[in-house]
Protein backbone atom coordinates (compact mmCIF):
# COMPACT_ATOMS: atom_id res chain seq x y z
CA MET A 1 -44.65 45.09 -90.68
CA ALA A 2 -46.04 41.54 -90.59
CA MET A 3 -47.94 40.62 -87.47
CA ALA A 4 -46.85 37.59 -85.44
CA ARG A 5 -49.10 34.64 -86.05
CA ARG A 6 -51.37 33.94 -83.09
CA ILE A 7 -50.74 30.69 -81.23
CA ARG A 8 -53.86 28.85 -80.19
CA GLN A 9 -54.26 28.53 -76.44
CA HIS A 10 -56.36 25.37 -76.65
CA VAL A 11 -55.68 22.35 -78.84
CA ASN A 12 -57.82 19.24 -79.11
CA PRO A 13 -55.46 16.40 -78.10
CA LEU A 14 -57.90 13.89 -79.60
CA GLY A 15 -57.65 15.44 -83.06
CA ALA A 16 -56.51 13.25 -85.93
CA ARG A 17 -53.31 15.25 -86.50
CA PHE A 18 -52.13 14.37 -82.98
CA ALA A 19 -53.14 10.70 -82.98
CA GLN A 20 -49.91 9.32 -84.43
CA PRO A 21 -47.11 8.88 -81.82
CA ARG A 22 -44.16 11.08 -82.79
CA ALA A 23 -42.58 12.27 -79.53
CA THR A 24 -38.84 11.69 -79.23
CA ALA A 25 -36.57 11.08 -76.24
CA VAL A 26 -35.94 14.37 -74.44
CA LEU A 27 -33.31 13.60 -71.80
CA PRO A 28 -29.67 14.00 -72.90
CA ALA A 29 -27.98 10.65 -73.42
CA ASP A 30 -25.11 11.65 -71.14
CA LEU A 31 -27.29 12.91 -68.27
CA ASP A 32 -26.04 11.69 -64.88
CA PRO A 33 -28.48 8.92 -63.84
CA GLN A 34 -28.45 10.30 -60.29
CA ARG A 35 -29.40 13.83 -61.30
CA THR A 36 -32.83 15.01 -60.21
CA VAL A 37 -35.29 15.29 -63.10
CA GLU A 38 -38.49 17.34 -62.91
CA VAL A 39 -41.03 17.43 -65.73
CA GLU A 40 -43.79 19.95 -66.41
CA LEU A 41 -46.71 18.46 -68.34
CA GLY A 42 -48.35 21.07 -70.56
CA CYS A 43 -45.66 23.70 -70.13
CA ALA A 44 -46.95 26.29 -72.65
CA GLU A 45 -44.23 28.95 -73.04
CA GLY A 46 -42.27 27.30 -70.26
CA GLU A 47 -42.19 30.04 -67.64
CA PHE A 48 -42.51 27.64 -64.70
CA ALA A 49 -39.91 25.23 -66.13
CA LEU A 50 -37.53 28.11 -66.83
CA ARG A 51 -37.92 29.49 -63.31
CA LEU A 52 -37.34 26.06 -61.82
CA ALA A 53 -34.22 25.47 -63.93
CA ALA A 54 -32.82 28.89 -63.01
CA ALA A 55 -33.47 28.41 -59.29
CA HIS A 56 -32.01 24.86 -59.24
CA PRO A 57 -29.09 24.43 -61.64
CA ASP A 58 -28.38 21.03 -60.06
CA ARG A 59 -31.66 19.68 -61.44
CA PHE A 60 -32.60 18.87 -65.04
CA VAL A 61 -35.99 20.30 -65.98
CA VAL A 62 -38.18 19.20 -68.89
CA GLY A 63 -41.16 21.03 -70.35
CA LEU A 64 -43.59 19.06 -72.52
CA ASP A 65 -46.44 20.44 -74.62
CA ILE A 66 -48.51 19.58 -77.66
CA ARG A 67 -48.11 23.01 -79.31
CA GLU A 68 -44.83 22.96 -81.21
CA ARG A 69 -44.76 26.66 -82.07
CA ILE A 70 -45.11 27.62 -78.42
CA LEU A 71 -42.27 25.21 -77.57
CA ALA A 72 -40.03 27.12 -79.97
CA ARG A 73 -40.60 30.23 -77.86
CA ALA A 74 -39.69 28.32 -74.71
CA ARG A 75 -36.45 27.08 -76.28
CA ALA A 76 -35.59 30.61 -77.37
CA SER A 77 -36.15 31.86 -73.83
CA ALA A 78 -33.89 29.13 -72.41
CA ALA A 79 -31.14 30.09 -74.86
CA ARG A 80 -31.51 33.77 -74.06
CA LEU A 81 -31.24 33.02 -70.32
CA GLY A 82 -28.27 30.71 -70.83
CA LEU A 83 -30.01 27.75 -69.18
CA ALA A 84 -28.39 24.45 -70.16
CA ASN A 85 -30.37 22.39 -67.63
CA VAL A 86 -33.77 22.65 -69.29
CA ALA A 87 -35.24 21.05 -72.41
CA PHE A 88 -38.58 21.44 -74.18
CA SER A 89 -40.20 18.83 -76.38
CA TYR A 90 -43.43 17.86 -78.13
CA VAL A 91 -45.72 15.34 -76.43
CA ASN A 92 -49.38 14.44 -76.65
CA LEU A 93 -49.82 13.19 -73.09
CA GLY A 94 -52.46 10.64 -73.97
CA VAL A 95 -50.53 9.23 -76.93
CA ASP A 96 -46.75 9.26 -76.66
CA LEU A 97 -45.52 10.38 -73.22
CA ASP A 98 -43.84 6.98 -72.94
CA ARG A 99 -41.64 7.80 -75.95
CA ALA A 100 -40.30 11.01 -74.40
CA LEU A 101 -39.05 9.71 -71.06
CA PRO A 102 -37.39 6.46 -69.90
CA SER A 103 -38.93 4.29 -67.21
CA GLY A 104 -38.11 5.08 -63.60
CA ARG A 105 -36.19 8.27 -64.34
CA VAL A 106 -38.40 11.20 -63.22
CA ASP A 107 -38.37 12.49 -59.65
CA ARG A 108 -41.38 14.76 -59.96
CA PHE A 109 -44.05 15.60 -62.51
CA HIS A 110 -45.86 18.95 -62.40
CA LEU A 111 -49.36 19.24 -63.89
CA LEU A 112 -50.17 22.93 -63.44
CA PHE A 113 -53.46 24.60 -64.38
CA PRO A 114 -54.43 22.20 -67.19
CA ASP A 115 -57.11 23.24 -69.68
CA PRO A 116 -60.45 22.92 -67.85
CA TRP A 117 -62.56 21.89 -70.88
CA PHE A 118 -65.73 23.11 -69.19
CA LYS A 119 -68.26 21.78 -71.72
CA ALA A 120 -69.56 18.31 -70.90
CA LYS A 121 -68.83 17.07 -74.44
CA HIS A 122 -65.17 18.11 -74.00
CA ARG A 123 -64.56 16.44 -70.62
CA LYS A 124 -62.92 13.49 -72.36
CA ARG A 125 -60.08 15.85 -73.34
CA ARG A 126 -59.02 16.31 -69.72
CA VAL A 127 -55.58 14.96 -68.99
CA LEU A 128 -55.63 12.02 -66.56
CA ASP A 129 -57.20 8.91 -68.03
CA ASP A 130 -56.20 5.41 -66.96
CA GLU A 131 -53.44 4.98 -69.54
CA THR A 132 -51.85 8.37 -68.82
CA CYS A 133 -51.83 7.66 -65.07
CA SER A 134 -50.10 4.36 -65.76
CA VAL A 135 -47.45 5.93 -67.98
CA ILE A 136 -46.74 8.70 -65.46
CA ALA A 137 -46.37 6.09 -62.71
CA SER A 138 -43.99 4.02 -64.84
CA ARG A 139 -41.75 7.02 -65.54
CA LEU A 140 -41.38 8.02 -61.88
CA ARG A 141 -38.60 6.73 -59.68
CA PRO A 142 -39.87 4.69 -56.71
CA GLY A 143 -41.22 7.31 -54.31
CA GLY A 144 -41.51 9.93 -57.08
CA GLU A 145 -44.23 12.56 -56.99
CA LEU A 146 -46.99 14.02 -59.11
CA HIS A 147 -47.70 17.64 -58.14
CA ALA A 148 -50.87 19.12 -59.63
CA ALA A 149 -52.59 22.48 -59.22
CA SER A 150 -55.60 24.29 -60.62
CA ASP A 151 -57.66 27.36 -59.89
CA VAL A 152 -60.78 25.44 -60.98
CA PHE A 153 -62.12 23.22 -58.21
CA ASP A 154 -63.81 20.72 -60.54
CA VAL A 155 -60.59 20.18 -62.47
CA ALA A 156 -58.56 19.64 -59.30
CA LEU A 157 -61.22 17.27 -58.01
CA ASP A 158 -61.09 15.30 -61.27
CA VAL A 159 -57.33 14.87 -60.88
CA MET A 160 -57.73 13.85 -57.25
CA ALA A 161 -60.45 11.34 -58.09
CA ALA A 162 -58.31 9.78 -60.83
CA LEU A 163 -55.42 9.22 -58.44
CA GLU A 164 -57.43 8.26 -55.35
CA ALA A 165 -59.15 5.60 -57.49
CA ARG A 166 -55.70 4.11 -58.16
CA ALA A 167 -54.54 3.84 -54.55
CA ASP A 168 -54.27 0.09 -55.07
CA ARG A 169 -51.81 0.76 -57.90
CA GLY A 170 -49.25 2.56 -55.78
CA TRP A 171 -50.59 6.14 -55.59
CA THR A 172 -50.68 7.78 -52.14
CA ASN A 173 -52.01 11.23 -51.29
CA LEU A 174 -49.20 12.83 -49.27
CA VAL A 175 -51.59 14.81 -47.07
CA GLY A 176 -54.21 12.10 -46.55
CA PRO A 177 -57.02 10.62 -48.65
CA TRP A 178 -59.22 13.15 -50.47
CA ARG A 179 -57.33 16.13 -49.07
CA PHE A 180 -55.73 19.04 -50.91
CA ALA A 181 -52.15 20.09 -50.14
CA ARG A 182 -51.49 23.52 -48.67
CA THR A 183 -47.94 23.94 -49.94
CA SER A 184 -46.00 23.41 -53.15
CA PRO A 185 -43.01 21.04 -53.25
CA VAL A 186 -40.98 23.70 -55.10
CA ASP A 187 -40.04 27.32 -54.45
CA VAL A 188 -41.13 28.78 -57.80
CA THR A 189 -44.54 29.54 -59.26
CA SER A 190 -46.14 29.58 -62.69
CA ARG A 191 -47.48 32.68 -64.39
CA ARG A 192 -51.04 31.40 -63.93
CA GLU A 193 -50.46 30.91 -60.21
CA ASP A 194 -49.11 34.46 -59.92
CA THR A 195 -52.20 35.81 -61.70
CA THR A 196 -54.52 33.79 -59.49
CA ALA A 197 -52.81 35.13 -56.37
CA ARG A 198 -53.06 38.75 -57.57
CA ARG A 199 -56.79 38.29 -58.12
CA GLY A 200 -57.23 36.80 -54.66
CA GLY A 201 -58.18 33.41 -56.07
CA ARG A 202 -57.52 30.00 -54.59
CA VAL A 203 -55.16 27.35 -55.89
CA TRP A 204 -56.30 23.77 -55.36
CA ARG A 205 -53.11 21.75 -55.02
CA LEU A 206 -52.43 18.01 -54.95
CA ARG A 207 -49.34 15.98 -54.10
CA PHE A 208 -49.33 12.25 -54.78
CA ARG A 209 -46.42 9.84 -54.35
CA HIS A 210 -46.05 6.63 -56.32
CA ALA A 211 -44.45 3.64 -54.62
């Protein structure tokens, strides 16, 4: 019996094969403009997005990732669970996030346990550069939120620093400047968060609103 082909857990988003914008619009054309939209950035197999969609059928949930084969698994899971309020799509966050989502339409982004890229030479691959912050802000409704979490303090601190440095561009830390949030804005968890909790680890969580 043929073995399933292994899906890489880490992909270089700066690689040449990902440089050309090719993301497509992910929200259904007939989606009620008043319906709450939540987006997971870097959704992997989509467990968090699937849990969120199942717990809140009134919301429309989007999972975005750069690994197209892993997105196929997420779509298969959604079909198996009969979830019509979730969609999964390809995006390279630093290249074509703006093509996937319309301006001012997202209520909340979730950036959960992003790749830490520990080596100094790989730090440039971390998610939140100036352009990505600007695109995320432009896709949020006024008062929309970016919720981020990591079990690696340096990664969480990098995300916090990126957003605190843009306080003059509409970003506000919901729990006060340079402070981590104690609670999540949603009632579901990701697989990584569950694993961290079982191991007794800490989750460093951030909640930022954009005006």
